[in-house]
C-alpha atoms as a PDB file:
ATOM      1  CA  MET A   1      12.769  37.858 -33.476  1.00  0.00           C
ATOM      2  CA  SER A   2      12.122  40.629 -35.811  1.00  0.00           C
ATOM      3  CA  GLU A   3      13.280  43.459 -33.645  1.00  0.00           C
ATOM      4  CA  PRO A   4      14.850  43.995 -30.135  1.00  0.00           C
ATOM      5  CA  LYS A   5      12.500  44.119 -26.952  1.00  0.00           C
ATOM      6  CA  LYS A   6      13.083  45.442 -23.647  1.00  0.00           C
ATOM      7  CA  ASN A   7      14.236  43.081 -20.708  1.00  0.00           C
ATOM      8  CA  THR A   8      14.466  40.119 -23.608  1.00  0.00           C
ATOM      9  CA  ALA A   9      17.819  38.520 -24.692  1.00  0.00           C
ATOM     10  CA  PHE A  10      18.594  39.531 -28.161  1.00  0.00           C
ATOM     11  CA  THR A  11      21.010  38.124 -30.883  1.00  0.00           C
ATOM     12  CA  PHE A  12      22.217  40.222 -33.974  1.00  0.00           C
ATOM     13  CA  ALA A  13      24.983  40.170 -36.485  1.00  0.00           C
ATOM     14  CA  ILE A  14      27.326  42.694 -37.753  1.00  0.00           C
ATOM     15  CA  GLY A  15      30.318  43.446 -40.176  1.00  0.00           C
ATOM     16  CA  LEU A  16      33.329  45.125 -39.188  1.00  0.00           C
ATOM     17  CA  GLY A  17      35.042  47.344 -41.709  1.00  0.00           C
ATOM     18  CA  SER A  18      38.843  46.553 -42.373  1.00  0.00           C
ATOM     19  CA  ARG A  19      41.348  49.299 -41.850  1.00  0.00           C
ATOM     20  CA  LEU A  20      43.929  47.653 -44.092  1.00  0.00           C
ATOM     21  CA  ALA A  21      41.815  46.824 -47.081  1.00  0.00           C
ATOM     22  CA  ARG A  22      39.288  49.504 -47.785  1.00  0.00           C
ATOM     23  CA  PRO A  23      36.623  49.360 -48.576  1.00  0.00           C
ATOM     24  CA  ALA A  24      35.873  45.607 -47.369  1.00  0.00           C
ATOM     25  CA  PHE A  25      34.801  44.061 -44.153  1.00  0.00           C
ATOM     26  CA  GLN A  26      37.501  42.386 -42.031  1.00  0.00           C
ATOM     27  CA  ALA A  27      37.799  38.843 -42.608  1.00  0.00           C
ATOM     28  CA  ALA A  28      38.362  36.375 -39.364  1.00  0.00           C
ATOM     29  CA  PRO A  29      38.660  39.339 -37.091  1.00  0.00           C
ATOM     30  CA  THR A  30      40.469  38.985 -33.903  1.00  0.00           C
ATOM     31  CA  LEU A  31      37.874  39.486 -31.111  1.00  0.00           C
ATOM     32  CA  ALA A  32      39.058  39.817 -27.469  1.00  0.00           C
ATOM     33  CA  ALA A  33      37.478  40.605 -24.061  1.00  0.00           C
ATOM     34  CA  GLY A  34      37.031  44.313 -23.642  1.00  0.00           C
ATOM     35  CA  ASP A  35      36.305  44.745 -27.455  1.00  0.00           C
ATOM     36  CA  PHE A  36      32.512  44.869 -26.849  1.00  0.00           C
ATOM     37  CA  LYS A  37      30.738  47.070 -24.217  1.00  0.00           C
ATOM     38  CA  VAL A  38      27.174  47.913 -23.415  1.00  0.00           C
ATOM     39  CA  SER A  39      25.743  51.167 -21.802  1.00  0.00           C
ATOM     40  CA  ILE A  40      22.124  51.010 -20.446  1.00  0.00           C
ATOM     41  CA  ASP A  41      20.238  54.272 -20.420  1.00  0.00           C
ATOM     42  CA  GLY A  42      23.409  56.251 -20.589  1.00  0.00           C
ATOM     43  CA  GLY A  43      25.179  54.347 -17.782  1.00  0.00           C
ATOM     44  CA  ALA A  44      28.907  53.241 -17.530  1.00  0.00           C
ATOM     45  CA  PHE A  45      30.165  50.954 -20.371  1.00  0.00           C
ATOM     46  CA  THR A  46      30.682  47.299 -19.150  1.00  0.00           C
ATOM     47  CA  ASN A  47      31.929  44.285 -21.029  1.00  0.00           C
ATOM     48  CA  LEU A  48      29.399  42.268 -22.555  1.00  0.00           C
ATOM     49  CA  ALA A  49      28.811  39.093 -20.517  1.00  0.00           C
ATOM     50  CA  THR A  50      29.339  36.977 -23.562  1.00  0.00           C
ATOM     51  CA  LEU A  51      32.203  37.744 -26.138  1.00  0.00           C
ATOM     52  CA  PRO A  52      30.910  37.561 -29.731  1.00  0.00           C
ATOM     53  CA  THR A  53      32.042  35.006 -32.051  1.00  0.00           C
ATOM     54  CA  VAL A  54      32.784  34.854 -35.869  1.00  0.00           C
ATOM     55  CA  THR A  55      29.803  32.761 -37.384  1.00  0.00           C
ATOM     56  CA  PRO A  56      30.806  30.857 -39.573  1.00  0.00           C
ATOM     57  CA  ALA A  57      34.446  30.603 -38.696  1.00  0.00           C
ATOM     58  CA  GLY A  58      36.990  32.588 -40.999  1.00  0.00           C
ATOM     59  CA  GLY A  59      33.925  34.691 -42.361  1.00  0.00           C
ATOM     60  CA  THR A  60      33.167  38.480 -41.876  1.00  0.00           C
ATOM     61  CA  ARG A  61      29.860  37.935 -40.024  1.00  0.00           C
ATOM     62  CA  VAL A  62      30.266  38.710 -36.209  1.00  0.00           C
ATOM     63  CA  GLN A  63      27.381  37.359 -34.056  1.00  0.00           C
ATOM     64  CA  ILE A  64      26.553  39.262 -30.683  1.00  0.00           C
ATOM     65  CA  ALA A  65      24.269  37.833 -28.228  1.00  0.00           C
ATOM     66  CA  MET A  66      22.981  40.014 -25.383  1.00  0.00           C
ATOM     67  CA  SER A  67      21.453  39.012 -22.451  1.00  0.00           C
ATOM     68  CA  ALA A  68      17.949  39.941 -20.984  1.00  0.00           C
ATOM     69  CA  ALA A  69      19.784  41.993 -18.157  1.00  0.00           C
ATOM     70  CA  GLU A  70      21.873  43.807 -21.013  1.00  0.00           C
ATOM     71  CA  MET A  71      18.809  44.542 -22.796  1.00  0.00           C
ATOM     72  CA  ASN A  72      16.847  45.870 -19.733  1.00  0.00           C
ATOM     73  CA  GLY A  73      16.579  49.587 -20.470  1.00  0.00           C
ATOM     74  CA  ASP A  74      14.948  52.269 -22.698  1.00  0.00           C
ATOM     75  CA  ASN A  75      17.963  53.024 -24.527  1.00  0.00           C
ATOM     76  CA  ILE A  76      20.868  50.518 -25.144  1.00  0.00           C
ATOM     77  CA  MET A  77      24.260  51.289 -26.686  1.00  0.00           C
ATOM     78  CA  VAL A  78      26.738  48.594 -27.776  1.00  0.00           C
ATOM     79  CA  GLN A  79      30.437  49.695 -28.441  1.00  0.00           C
ATOM     80  CA  CYS A  80      32.753  47.834 -30.766  1.00  0.00           C
ATOM     81  CA  ILE A  81      36.440  49.015 -30.409  1.00  0.00           C
ATOM     82  CA  ASP A  82      39.351  46.940 -31.172  1.00  0.00           C
ATOM     83  CA  ALA A  83      41.395  47.340 -28.050  1.00  0.00           C
ATOM     84  CA  ALA A  84      44.612  45.873 -29.082  1.00  0.00           C
ATOM     85  CA  GLY A  85      45.202  47.425 -32.411  1.00  0.00           C
ATOM     86  CA  GLY A  86      43.626  48.937 -35.566  1.00  0.00           C
ATOM     87  CA  GLU A  87      42.432  45.711 -37.124  1.00  0.00           C
ATOM     88  CA  TRP A  88      38.964  46.833 -37.746  1.00  0.00           C
ATOM     89  CA  ASP A  89      37.027  50.104 -37.543  1.00  0.00           C
ATOM     90  CA  ASP A  90      35.176  51.249 -34.448  1.00  0.00           C
ATOM     91  CA  VAL A  91      31.369  50.893 -34.352  1.00  0.00           C
ATOM     92  CA  ILE A  92      28.432  52.240 -32.214  1.00  0.00           C
ATOM     93  CA  ILE A  93      24.960  50.397 -32.447  1.00  0.00           C
ATOM     94  CA  THR A  94      21.752  51.780 -30.252  1.00  0.00           C
ATOM     95  CA  PHE A  95      18.558  50.482 -29.448  1.00  0.00           C
ATOM     96  CA  ASP A  96      15.391  52.328 -28.270  1.00  0.00           C
ATOM     97  CA  LEU A  97      13.320  49.647 -26.624  1.00  0.00           C
ATOM     98  CA  SER A  98       9.953  48.919 -25.330  1.00  0.00           C
ATOM     99  CA  VAL A  99       7.860  46.188 -23.424  1.00  0.00           C
ATOM    100  CA  ARG A 100       5.992  45.011 -26.692  1.00  0.00           C
ATOM    101  CA  ASN A 101       7.049  44.670 -30.401  1.00  0.00           C
ATOM    102  CA  ALA A 102       5.783  43.337 -33.623  1.00  0.00           C
ATOM    103  CA  ASP A 103       6.166  39.842 -32.222  1.00  0.00           C
ATOM    104  CA  ASP A 104       3.268  40.335 -29.782  1.00  0.00           C
ATOM    105  CA  LEU A 105       0.764  41.165 -32.250  1.00  0.00           C
ATOM    106  CA  ALA A 106      -1.437  38.388 -33.065  1.00  0.00           C
ATOM    107  CA  THR A 107      -2.026  37.305 -36.596  1.00  0.00           C
ATOM    108  CA  PRO A 108      -5.525  37.672 -37.663  1.00  0.00           C
ATOM    109  CA  THR A 109      -6.724  34.375 -38.812  1.00  0.00           C
ATOM    110  CA  ASN A 110     -10.659  35.051 -38.689  1.00  0.00           C
ATOM    111  CA  ILE A 111     -11.274  37.971 -41.194  1.00  0.00           C
ATOM    112  CA  THR A 112     -12.605  36.944 -44.713  1.00  0.00           C
ATOM    113  CA  ALA A 113     -13.817  39.298 -47.345  1.00  0.00           C
ATOM    114  CA  GLY A 114     -13.874  42.429 -44.921  1.00  0.00           C
ATOM    115  CA  VAL A 115     -15.973  40.284 -42.381  1.00  0.00           C
ATOM    116  CA  ILE A 116     -15.089  39.079 -38.745  1.00  0.00           C
ATOM    117  CA  THR A 117     -16.352  35.724 -38.579  1.00  0.00           C
ATOM    118  CA  THR A 118     -15.598  35.165 -34.990  1.00  0.00           C
ATOM    119  CA  VAL A 119     -14.820  37.295 -31.635  1.00  0.00           C
ATOM    120  CA  THR A 120     -11.589  35.496 -31.100  1.00  0.00           C
ATOM    121  CA  ASN A 121      -9.429  38.430 -31.979  1.00  0.00           C
ATOM    122  CA  LEU A 122     -11.481  41.371 -31.002  1.00  0.00           C
ATOM    123  CA  THR A 123      -9.010  42.460 -28.173  1.00  0.00           C
ATOM    124  CA  ASN A 124      -8.224  45.912 -28.717  1.00  0.00           C
ATOM    125  CA  ALA A 125     -10.610  45.957 -31.562  1.00  0.00           C
ATOM    126  CA  PRO A 126     -11.743  49.642 -32.850  1.00  0.00           C
ATOM    127  CA  THR A 127     -14.928  51.206 -30.807  1.00  0.00           C
ATOM    128  CA  ALA A 128     -18.239  51.480 -32.458  1.00  0.00           C
ATOM    129  CA  GLY A 129     -17.186  55.209 -33.400  1.00  0.00           C
ATOM    130  CA  ASP A 130     -14.347  53.981 -35.509  1.00  0.00           C
ATOM    131  CA  LEU A 131     -16.737  51.557 -37.669  1.00  0.00           C
ATOM    132  CA  THR A 132     -18.766  52.093 -40.670  1.00  0.00           C
ATOM    133  CA  ALA A 133     -22.404  50.828 -41.078  1.00  0.00           C
ATOM    134  CA  THR A 134     -21.437  47.914 -42.906  1.00  0.00           C
ATOM    135  CA  MET A 135     -18.712  47.015 -40.353  1.00  0.00           C
ATOM    136  CA  LYS A 136     -21.013  47.422 -37.223  1.00  0.00           C
ATOM    137  CA  THR A 137     -23.276  44.951 -39.153  1.00  0.00           C
ATOM    138  CA  SER A 138     -20.634  42.483 -39.710  1.00  0.00           C
ATOM    139  CA  VAL A 139     -19.361  42.650 -36.171  1.00  0.00           C
ATOM    140  CA  THR A 140     -23.153  42.287 -34.581  1.00  0.00           C
ATOM    141  CA  THR A 141     -23.718  39.153 -36.840  1.00  0.00           C
ATOM    142  CA  ALA A 142     -20.238  37.678 -35.891  1.00  0.00           C
ATOM    143  CA  ALA A 143     -20.706  38.245 -32.043  1.00  0.00           C
ATOM    144  CA  THR A 144     -24.194  36.542 -32.317  1.00  0.00           C
ATOM    145  CA  ALA A 145     -22.749  33.721 -34.209  1.00  0.00           C
ATOM    146  CA  ALA A 146     -20.192  33.211 -31.539  1.00  0.00           C
ATOM    147  CA  THR A 147     -22.783  32.627 -28.605  1.00  0.00           C
ATOM    148  CA  PRO A 148     -21.424  29.477 -26.946  1.00  0.00           C
ATOM    149  CA  THR A 149     -23.713  26.466 -28.127  1.00  0.00           C
ATOM    150  CA  ALA A 150     -20.715  24.423 -29.159  1.00  0.00           C
ATOM    151  CA  ALA A 151     -20.966  20.734 -29.162  1.00  0.00           C
ATOM    152  CA  ALA A 152     -17.808  20.400 -27.330  1.00  0.00           C
ATOM    153  CA  VAL A 153     -15.878  22.400 -24.858  1.00  0.00           C
ATOM    154  CA  THR A 154     -12.001  21.477 -24.420  1.00  0.00           C
ATOM    155  CA  GLY A 155     -10.170  22.849 -21.496  1.00  0.00           C
ATOM    156  CA  ALA A 156     -11.032  24.532 -18.214  1.00  0.00           C
ATOM    157  CA  VAL A 157     -14.391  26.589 -18.293  1.00  0.00           C
ATOM    158  CA  GLY A 158     -15.131  29.184 -15.729  1.00  0.00           C
ATOM    159  CA  SER A 159     -18.809  29.525 -16.490  1.00  0.00           C
ATOM    160  CA  VAL A 160     -21.022  28.491 -19.188  1.00  0.00           C
ATOM    161  CA  THR A 161     -24.672  29.664 -20.190  1.00  0.00           C
ATOM    162  CA  GLY A 162     -26.712  27.443 -22.256  1.00  0.00           C
ATOM    163  CA  ALA A 163     -26.777  23.951 -23.225  1.00  0.00           C
ATOM    164  CA  VAL A 164     -23.407  22.189 -23.089  1.00  0.00           C
ATOM    165  CA  GLY A 165     -23.164  19.012 -25.527  1.00  0.00           C
ATOM    166  CA  SER A 166     -20.041  17.507 -23.973  1.00  0.00           C
ATOM    167  CA  VAL A 167     -17.107  18.420 -21.851  1.00  0.00           C
ATOM    168  CA  THR A 168     -13.651  16.707 -22.451  1.00  0.00           C
ATOM    169  CA  GLY A 169     -11.360  17.419 -19.284  1.00  0.00           C
ATOM    170  CA  ALA A 170     -11.482  18.425 -15.579  1.00  0.00           C
ATOM    171  CA  VAL A 171     -14.557  20.338 -14.376  1.00  0.00           C
ATOM    172  CA  GLY A 172     -13.524  22.355 -11.381  1.00  0.00           C
ATOM    173  CA  SER A 173     -17.137  22.686  -9.897  1.00  0.00           C
ATOM    174  CA  VAL A 174     -20.789  22.873 -10.690  1.00  0.00           C
ATOM    175  CA  THR A 175     -22.659  24.950  -8.705  1.00  0.00           C
ATOM    176  CA  GLY A 176     -26.246  24.722 -10.385  1.00  0.00           C
ATOM    177  CA  ALA A 177     -28.486  21.429 -11.319  1.00  0.00           C
ATOM    178  CA  VAL A 178     -27.307  19.158 -13.697  1.00  0.00           C
ATOM    179  CA  GLY A 179     -30.223  18.224 -16.155  1.00  0.00           C
ATOM    180  CA  SER A 180     -29.253  14.847 -17.160  1.00  0.00           C
ATOM    181  CA  VAL A 181     -26.018  12.637 -17.466  1.00  0.00           C
ATOM    182  CA  THR A 182     -26.650  10.119 -20.274  1.00  0.00           C
ATOM    183  CA  ALA A 183     -22.814   8.603 -20.331  1.00  0.00           C
ATOM    184  CA  GLY A 184     -21.062   7.150 -17.486  1.00  0.00           C
ATOM    185  CA  VAL A 185     -19.400   9.468 -14.910  1.00  0.00           C
ATOM    186  CA  THR A 186     -16.036   8.543 -13.462  1.00  0.00           C
ATOM    187  CA  VAL A 187     -15.499  10.343 -10.034  1.00  0.00           C
ATOM    188  CA  THR A 188     -11.668   9.839  -8.713  1.00  0.00           C
ATOM    189  CA  THR A 189     -12.313  11.889  -5.338  1.00  0.00           C
ATOM    190  CA  ASN A 190     -15.644  12.374  -3.646  1.00  0.00           C
ATOM    191  CA  ASN A 191     -15.222  14.615  -0.671  1.00  0.00           C
ATOM    192  CA  ASP A 192     -18.799  14.210   0.367  1.00  0.00           C
ATOM    193  CA  LYS A 193     -19.264  10.590   1.820  1.00  0.00           C
ATOM    194  CA  THR A 194     -22.440  10.997   3.886  1.00  0.00           C
ATOM    195  CA  GLY A 195     -25.907   9.833   2.930  1.00  0.00           C
ATOM    196  CA  TYR A 196     -24.816   6.597   0.861  1.00  0.00           C
ATOM    197  CA  GLY A 197     -25.714   3.141   1.252  1.00  0.00           C
ATOM    198  CA  LEU A 198     -25.015  -0.182  -0.236  1.00  0.00           C
ATOM    199  CA  SER A 199     -27.415  -1.802  -2.918  1.00  0.00           C
ATOM    200  CA  SER A 200     -29.204  -5.259  -1.982  1.00  0.00           C
ATOM    201  CA  ALA A 201     -27.088  -6.757  -4.534  1.00  0.00           C
ATOM    202  CA  ALA A 202     -23.848  -5.378  -2.884  1.00  0.00           C
ATOM    203  CA  VAL A 203     -24.764  -6.593   0.568  1.00  0.00           C
ATOM    204  CA  GLN A 204     -25.942 -10.034  -0.919  1.00  0.00           C
ATOM    205  CA  ALA A 205     -22.655 -10.134  -2.591  1.00  0.00           C
ATOM    206  CA  ILE A 206     -20.793  -9.917   0.706  1.00  0.00           C
ATOM    207  CA  TRP A 207     -22.917 -12.447   2.423  1.00  0.00           C
ATOM    208  CA  ASP A 208     -22.320 -14.580  -0.520  1.00  0.00           C
ATOM    209  CA  ALA A 209     -18.323 -14.371  -0.325  1.00  0.00           C
ATOM    210  CA  LEU A 210     -16.754 -17.905  -0.150  1.00  0.00           C
ATOM    211  CA  THR A 211     -14.947 -18.536   2.994  1.00  0.00           C
ATOM    212  CA  SER A 212     -12.157 -19.874   0.917  1.00  0.00           C
ATOM    213  CA  ALA A 213     -11.461 -16.276  -0.383  1.00  0.00           C
ATOM    214  CA  LEU A 214     -11.148 -14.879   3.277  1.00  0.00           C
ATOM    215  CA  THR A 215      -7.562 -15.512   3.657  1.00  0.00           C
ATOM    216  CA  THR A 216      -6.245 -11.935   4.540  1.00  0.00           C
ATOM    217  CA  VAL A 217      -4.539 -12.301   8.136  1.00  0.00           C
ATOM    218  CA  GLY A 218      -6.064  -9.740  10.380  1.00  0.00           C
ATOM    219  CA  SER A 219      -9.005  -9.484   8.647  1.00  0.00           C
ATOM    220  CA  ILE A 220     -12.493  -9.726  10.289  1.00  0.00           C
ATOM    221  CA  GLY A 221     -13.617 -12.325   7.704  1.00  0.00           C
ATOM    222  CA  LYS A 222     -10.573 -14.543   8.198  1.00  0.00           C
ATOM    223  CA  TRP A 223     -11.008 -14.133  12.134  1.00  0.00           C
ATOM    224  CA  ILE A 224     -14.559 -15.379  11.963  1.00  0.00           C
ATOM    225  CA  VAL A 225     -13.750 -18.341   9.651  1.00  0.00           C
ATOM    226  CA  ASP A 226     -11.143 -19.431  12.023  1.00  0.00           C
ATOM    227  CA  LYS A 227     -13.250 -19.274  14.933  1.00  0.00           C
ATOM    228  CA  LEU A 228     -16.418 -20.930  13.453  1.00  0.00           C
ATOM    229  CA  ASP A 229     -14.523 -23.949  11.954  1.00  0.00           C
ATOM    230  CA  ILE A 230     -17.302 -26.482  13.113  1.00  0.00           C
ATOM    231  CA  ALA A 231     -21.147 -26.411  13.806  1.00  0.00           C
ATOM    232  CA  VAL A 232     -21.943 -24.644  16.904  1.00  0.00           C
ATOM    233  CA  SER A 233     -24.211 -27.137  18.066  1.00  0.00           C
ATOM    234  CA  THR A 234     -21.232 -29.683  18.460  1.00  0.00           C
ATOM    235  CA  ARG A 235     -19.657 -27.656  21.219  1.00  0.00           C
ATOM    236  CA  LEU A 236     -22.343 -29.075  23.801  1.00  0.00           C
ATOM    237  CA  ALA A 237     -21.939 -32.635  24.828  1.00  0.00           C
ATOM    238  CA  THR A 238     -25.781 -32.687  25.300  1.00  0.00           C
ATOM    239  CA  VAL A 239     -28.210 -30.069  23.964  1.00  0.00           C
ATOM    240  CA  GLY A 240     -30.567 -28.861  27.057  1.00  0.00           C
ATOM    241  CA  TYR A 241     -30.976 -26.543  29.791  1.00  0.00           C
ATOM    242  CA  THR A 242     -31.132 -26.777  33.447  1.00  0.00           C
ATOM    243  CA  ALA A 243     -33.013 -23.821  35.363  1.00  0.00           C
ATOM    244  CA  PRO A 244     -30.998 -21.992  37.972  1.00  0.00           C
ATOM    245  CA  LEU A 245     -31.842 -22.950  41.889  1.00  0.00           C
ATOM    246  CA  ASP A 246     -34.575 -20.968  43.657  1.00  0.00           C
ATOM    247  CA  ALA A 247     -34.276 -19.501  46.996  1.00  0.00           C
ATOM    248  CA  ALA A 248     -34.924 -22.687  48.820  1.00  0.00           C
ATOM    249  CA  GLY A 249     -32.956 -25.015  46.595  1.00  0.00           C
ATOM    250  CA  THR A 250     -29.968 -22.629  46.924  1.00  0.00           C
ATOM    251  CA  ARG A 251     -30.284 -23.015  50.875  1.00  0.00           C
ATOM    252  CA  THR A 252     -30.727 -26.598  50.753  1.00  0.00           C
ATOM    253  CA  ALA A 253     -27.585 -26.864  48.619  1.00  0.00           C
ATOM    254  CA  VAL A 254     -25.415 -24.672  51.269  1.00  0.00           C
ATOM    255  CA  GLY A 255     -26.881 -26.556  54.361  1.00  0.00           C
ATOM    256  CA  LEU A 256     -29.007 -23.502  55.627  1.00  0.00           C
ATOM    257  CA  ALA A 257     -32.192 -23.534  57.597  1.00  0.00           C
ATOM    258  CA  THR A 258     -35.391 -21.975  56.326  1.00  0.00           C
ATOM    259  CA  ALA A 259     -34.184 -18.673  56.996  1.00  0.00           C
ATOM    260  CA  ASN A 260     -32.062 -16.876  54.595  1.00  0.00           C
ATOM    261  CA  LEU A 261     -28.257 -16.512  55.327  1.00  0.00           C
ATOM    262  CA  ASP A 262     -28.386 -12.976  56.330  1.00  0.00           C
ATOM    263  CA  THR A 263     -30.855 -13.766  59.363  1.00  0.00           C
ATOM    264  CA  GLN A 264     -28.787 -16.748  60.276  1.00  0.00           C
ATOM    265  CA  LEU A 265     -25.667 -14.848  60.450  1.00  0.00           C
ATOM    266  CA  GLY A 266     -27.451 -12.288  62.261  1.00  0.00           C
ATOM    267  CA  ASP A 267     -28.392 -14.684  65.232  1.00  0.00           C
ATOM    268  CA  LEU A 268     -24.731 -15.565  65.901  1.00  0.00           C
ATOM    269  CA  PRO A 269     -23.340 -13.574  69.074  1.00  0.00           C
ATOM    270  CA  THR A 270     -21.186 -10.647  68.524  1.00  0.00           C
ATOM    271  CA  ASN A 271     -17.897 -10.196  69.840  1.00  0.00           C
ATOM    272  CA  ALA A 272     -19.215  -7.776  72.660  1.00  0.00           C
ATOM    273  CA  GLU A 273     -22.250 -10.574  73.494  1.00  0.00           C
ATOM    274  CA  LEU A 274     -19.433 -13.356  73.727  1.00  0.00           C
ATOM    275  CA  THR A 275     -17.206 -11.160  76.166  1.00  0.00           C
ATOM    276  CA  THR A 276     -20.208 -10.528  78.284  1.00  0.00           C
ATOM    277  CA  ALA A 277     -21.380 -14.180  78.259  1.00  0.00           C
ATOM    278  CA  LEU A 278     -17.991 -15.508  78.921  1.00  0.00           C
ATOM    279  CA  GLY A 279     -17.330 -12.890  81.682  1.00  0.00           C
ATOM    280  CA  THR A 280     -20.675 -14.200  83.367  1.00  0.00           C
ATOM    281  CA  ALA A 281     -19.826 -17.845  82.950  1.00  0.00           C
ATOM    282  CA  ASP A 282     -16.156 -17.181  84.354  1.00  0.00           C
ATOM    283  CA  ASP A 283     -17.739 -15.576  87.511  1.00  0.00           C
ATOM    284  CA  ALA A 284     -19.807 -18.522  88.046  1.00  0.00           C
ATOM    285  CA  VAL A 285     -16.897 -20.940  87.642  1.00  0.00           C
ATOM    286  CA  LEU A 286     -14.547 -18.872  89.990  1.00  0.00           C
ATOM    287  CA  ALA A 287     -17.478 -19.050  92.699  1.00  0.00           C
ATOM    288  CA  GLN A 288     -17.427 -22.885  92.390  1.00  0.00           C
ATOM    289  CA  VAL A 289     -13.728 -23.039  92.522  1.00  0.00           C
ATOM    290  CA  ALA A 290     -13.399 -21.145  95.753  1.00  0.00           C
ATOM    291  CA  LEU A 291     -16.154 -23.424  97.325  1.00  0.00           C
ATOM    292  CA  VAL A 292     -13.781 -26.317  96.568  1.00  0.00           C
ATOM    293  CA  LYS A 293     -10.813 -24.790  97.748  1.00  0.00           C
ATOM    294  CA  ALA A 294     -12.489 -23.835 101.021  1.00  0.00           C
ATOM    295  CA  LYS A 295     -12.958 -27.690 101.386  1.00  0.00           C
ATOM    296  CA  THR A 296      -9.598 -28.635 100.085  1.00  0.00           C
ATOM    297  CA  ASP A 297      -7.851 -26.011 102.580  1.00  0.00           C
ATOM    298  CA  LEU A 298      -8.972 -28.470 105.315  1.00  0.00           C
ATOM    299  CA  ILE A 299      -7.178 -31.276 104.406  1.00  0.00           C
ATOM    300  CA  PRO A 300      -3.860 -31.305 106.192  1.00  0.00           C
ATOM    301  CA  ALA A 301      -0.727 -31.511 104.189  1.00  0.00           C
ATOM    302  CA  SER A 302       0.043 -35.110 105.558  1.00  0.00           C
ATOM    303  CA  PHE A 303      -1.862 -37.719 107.728  1.00  0.00           C
ATOM    304  CA  PRO A 304      -0.799 -38.517 111.327  1.00  0.00           C
ATOM    305  CA  THR A 305       1.433 -41.416 111.684  1.00  0.00           C
ATOM    306  CA  ASN A 306      -0.999 -42.912 113.887  1.00  0.00           C
ATOM    307  CA  PHE A 307      -3.034 -43.912 110.832  1.00  0.00           C
ATOM    308  CA  SER A 308      -1.977 -46.634 108.993  1.00  0.00           C
ATOM    309  CA  ALA A 309      -4.117 -46.293 106.077  1.00  0.00           C
ATOM    310  CA  THR A 310      -6.845 -43.855 104.982  1.00  0.00           C
ATOM    311  CA  VAL A 311      -9.588 -44.096 102.919  1.00  0.00           C
ATOM    312  CA  ILE A 312     -12.015 -41.431 102.092  1.00  0.00           C
ATOM    313  CA  SER A 313     -15.375 -42.761 100.596  1.00  0.00           C
ATOM    314  CA  ALA A 314     -17.424 -41.165  97.727  1.00  0.00           C
ATOM    315  CA  THR A 315     -19.613 -39.815 100.434  1.00  0.00           C
ATOM    316  CA  GLY A 316     -16.885 -37.863 102.292  1.00  0.00           C
ATOM    317  CA  ASP A 317     -16.574 -40.768 105.222  1.00  0.00           C
ATOM    318  CA  VAL A 318     -12.891 -41.314 106.325  1.00  0.00           C
ATOM    319  CA  SER A 319     -12.210 -44.922 106.997  1.00  0.00           C
ATOM    320  CA  VAL A 320      -8.857 -45.749 109.123  1.00  0.00           C
ATOM    321  CA  ASP A 321      -7.276 -48.474 111.089  1.00  0.00           C
ATOM    322  CA  VAL A 322      -6.649 -47.081 114.440  1.00  0.00           C
ATOM    323  CA  ASN A 323      -3.406 -48.624 116.374  1.00  0.00           C
ATOM    324  CA  LYS A 324      -3.447 -46.425 119.297  1.00  0.00           C
ATOM    325  CA  ILE A 325      -5.443 -44.097 121.219  1.00  0.00           C
ATOM    326  CA  ASN A 326      -3.705 -41.369 123.058  1.00  0.00           C
ATOM    327  CA  GLY A 327      -0.389 -43.217 122.470  1.00  0.00           C
ATOM    328  CA  VAL A 328      -1.417 -46.445 124.178  1.00  0.00           C
ATOM    329  CA  THR A 329      -1.733 -49.346 121.703  1.00  0.00           C
ATOM    330  CA  ILE A 330      -5.049 -51.008 121.663  1.00  0.00           C
ATOM    331  CA  ILE A 331      -6.065 -54.318 120.806  1.00  0.00           C
ATOM    332  CA  GLY A 332      -9.690 -55.185 119.337  1.00  0.00           C
ATOM    333  CA  ASP A 333     -11.414 -58.373 119.815  1.00  0.00           C
ATOM    334  CA  GLY A 334     -11.255 -59.091 116.112  1.00  0.00           C
ATOM    335  CA  SER A 335     -15.103 -58.585 115.381  1.00  0.00           C
ATOM    336  CA  ALA A 336     -16.593 -56.080 113.012  1.00  0.00           C
ATOM    337  CA  THR A 337     -17.402 -53.752 116.080  1.00  0.00           C
ATOM    338  CA  PRO A 338     -14.642 -53.965 118.349  1.00  0.00           C
ATOM    339  CA  PHE A 339     -15.474 -51.284 120.464  1.00  0.00           C
ATOM    340  CA  ASN A 340     -18.685 -50.198 122.041  1.00  0.00           C
ATOM    341  CA  VAL A 341     -19.518 -46.420 122.244  1.00  0.00           C
END
C-alpha cells in the first residue's frame, strides 16, 4: 500500500532516536505495552492492539501494524513514548485519511500516442467541454470501434445487441428468439418439461430391450418378465369357448318350471296365508274330533260282568255271549239260533 487509507489496516516503520548516543537511532530498542498508543479524531489515547516489533531483530527499524478499526477515522495520531525510562526520544505520527487513495486509481493501459483505443477506462473521463477537437475525434472513433461485435464473450452477459459469435460460460436467460445453434447444446436443468415426446427410434428401443436386462427388483419390466415366463396359450388345457346358458337353460339347470324363479317364488303362500289356511284346517279337524268324542263318550268305562266276551265289529255291531238274563242262568239248545224272538 502506497499510503494509508481510512478503515483499512496499515503497516509502516519508523526509527526511534537514542537519548544516550546522539545523534543516532536507538539499536534494539526495548518496546513494552503502553509505549505505543493511538487517538482517533482527537479521542482518548489507547494502547495499540498489536505491540510493534524490531524488524530485523537487533536493528533500528521499528515496525508498527495498525488494524482497520484503529485506522477508522479522518485523523489518526500515533504516540510513541518510552514509559519505562528515557531510552529513546518521544515521537508523534499523524495521518489524515480518506476512503480512496492512489491505489484505487486504475492504471491506463489503452492509451497509445494520445489516442484512446477502447472505452474500458473512460469511467470518470473528462466531459466533452474538457476535450479538444482532436481528442473528441479520437474518443468518437474509439467508441465506434468498441461496439460489441466480438467473436467471443467470456463471463456473464446482461444484454447483447447484435450478433454474438460464441458464448463461453453460463447464460442466465434468453428472452428473444435464438436464430440458430450450429453446435450441440448441453442442458443441465430444464424447468419446462411439457410438450415433449419420444422419437420413434426411442420408442422402438424400449420394445427391443432384452428381457435378460430387466433384472431390477421392483421394476415394471422385471415384474412383466416374471409373470409372463411361458406362452399364454399354454395356460388352457384346451383352447375353446362355451357360451353361457340362456334363460331356459338356466331354469333347467336349477330344476325350475317354465316360469322364472321370481314367479314361482311368488306362488308360494305367505306366512299370513299359511296361518289362515292352517286355522281353517284346525277348525275342521276339531269338529271331526268332537263328533268322535260324542260317540266314544257312550262307551262305558268297563263292561258288565254278565258279558263273558265282547266283540265290536267294523260295522258297529256288538257280539256277546249271554249267560244270564235278569240274573237267571239260561241254557241254549246249542243251535245257531237258540232263541226265538
